[in-house]
């Protein structure tokens, strides 16, 4: 059933955990970029004299 060239369950789990960690990091980068974009938009609205409520808490 199993050959040496096949990935063990432990190797597969470890690889998937690494992929999950990488994806979480990418999500954090995207969230940070969106927060920055929202903050820049809010600043431009405030400079334009508009009263806004922040959507970032």
Protein backbone atom coordinates (compact mmCIF):
# COMPACT_ATOMS: atom_id res chain seq x y z
CA UNK A 1 0.00 0.00 0.00
CA UNK A 2 2.67 2.49 0.98
CA UNK A 3 6.03 3.03 -0.67
CA UNK A 4 9.05 4.98 0.51
CA UNK A 5 8.44 7.66 -2.13
CA UNK A 6 5.01 8.43 -0.70
CA UNK A 7 4.64 11.19 1.83
CA UNK A 8 3.95 10.03 5.39
CA UNK A 9 0.91 11.40 7.19
CA UNK A 10 3.23 13.34 9.51
CA UNK A 11 5.10 14.91 6.60
CA UNK A 12 1.81 15.82 4.95
CA UNK A 13 0.45 17.39 8.15
CA UNK A 14 3.69 19.34 8.61
CA UNK A 15 3.56 20.57 5.00
CA UNK A 16 -0.09 21.60 5.35
CA UNK A 17 0.68 23.43 8.60
CA UNK A 18 3.42 25.35 6.77
CA UNK A 19 0.98 26.23 3.99
CA UNK A 20 -1.59 27.43 6.55
CA UNK A 21 1.02 29.63 8.25
CA UNK A 22 1.99 31.09 4.88
CA UNK A 23 -1.63 31.81 3.97
CA UNK A 24 -2.26 33.45 7.35
CA UNK A 25 0.73 35.70 6.73
CA UNK A 26 -0.61 36.66 3.29
CA UNK A 27 -4.00 37.46 4.83
CA UNK A 28 -2.33 39.68 7.44
CA UNK A 29 -0.49 41.58 4.69
CA UNK A 30 -3.73 42.09 2.73
CA UNK A 31 -5.61 43.23 5.85
CA UNK A 32 -2.86 45.73 6.63
CA UNK A 33 -2.92 47.08 3.08
CA UNK A 34 -6.70 47.49 3.21
CA UNK A 35 -6.51 49.27 6.56
CA UNK A 36 -3.94 51.67 5.11
CA UNK A 37 -6.10 52.30 2.07
CA UNK A 38 -9.15 52.98 4.26
CA UNK A 39 -7.12 55.29 6.51
CA UNK A 40 -5.87 57.27 3.48
CA UNK A 41 -9.44 57.58 2.21
CA UNK A 42 -10.68 58.78 5.59
CA UNK A 43 -7.88 61.35 5.79
CA UNK A 44 -8.74 62.66 2.33
CA UNK A 45 -12.40 62.96 3.35
CA UNK A 46 -11.51 64.82 6.56
CA UNK A 47 -9.22 67.17 4.63
CA UNK A 48 -12.13 67.80 2.29
CA UNK A 49 -14.23 68.92 5.25
CA UNK A 50 -16.42 65.87 5.56
CA UNK A 51 -17.26 64.46 8.97
CA UNK A 52 -16.78 60.71 8.91
CA UNK A 53 -16.92 57.87 11.39
CA UNK A 54 -14.03 55.47 11.09
CA UNK A 55 -14.91 51.96 9.98
CA UNK A 56 -11.65 50.64 11.41
CA UNK A 57 -11.79 49.80 15.09
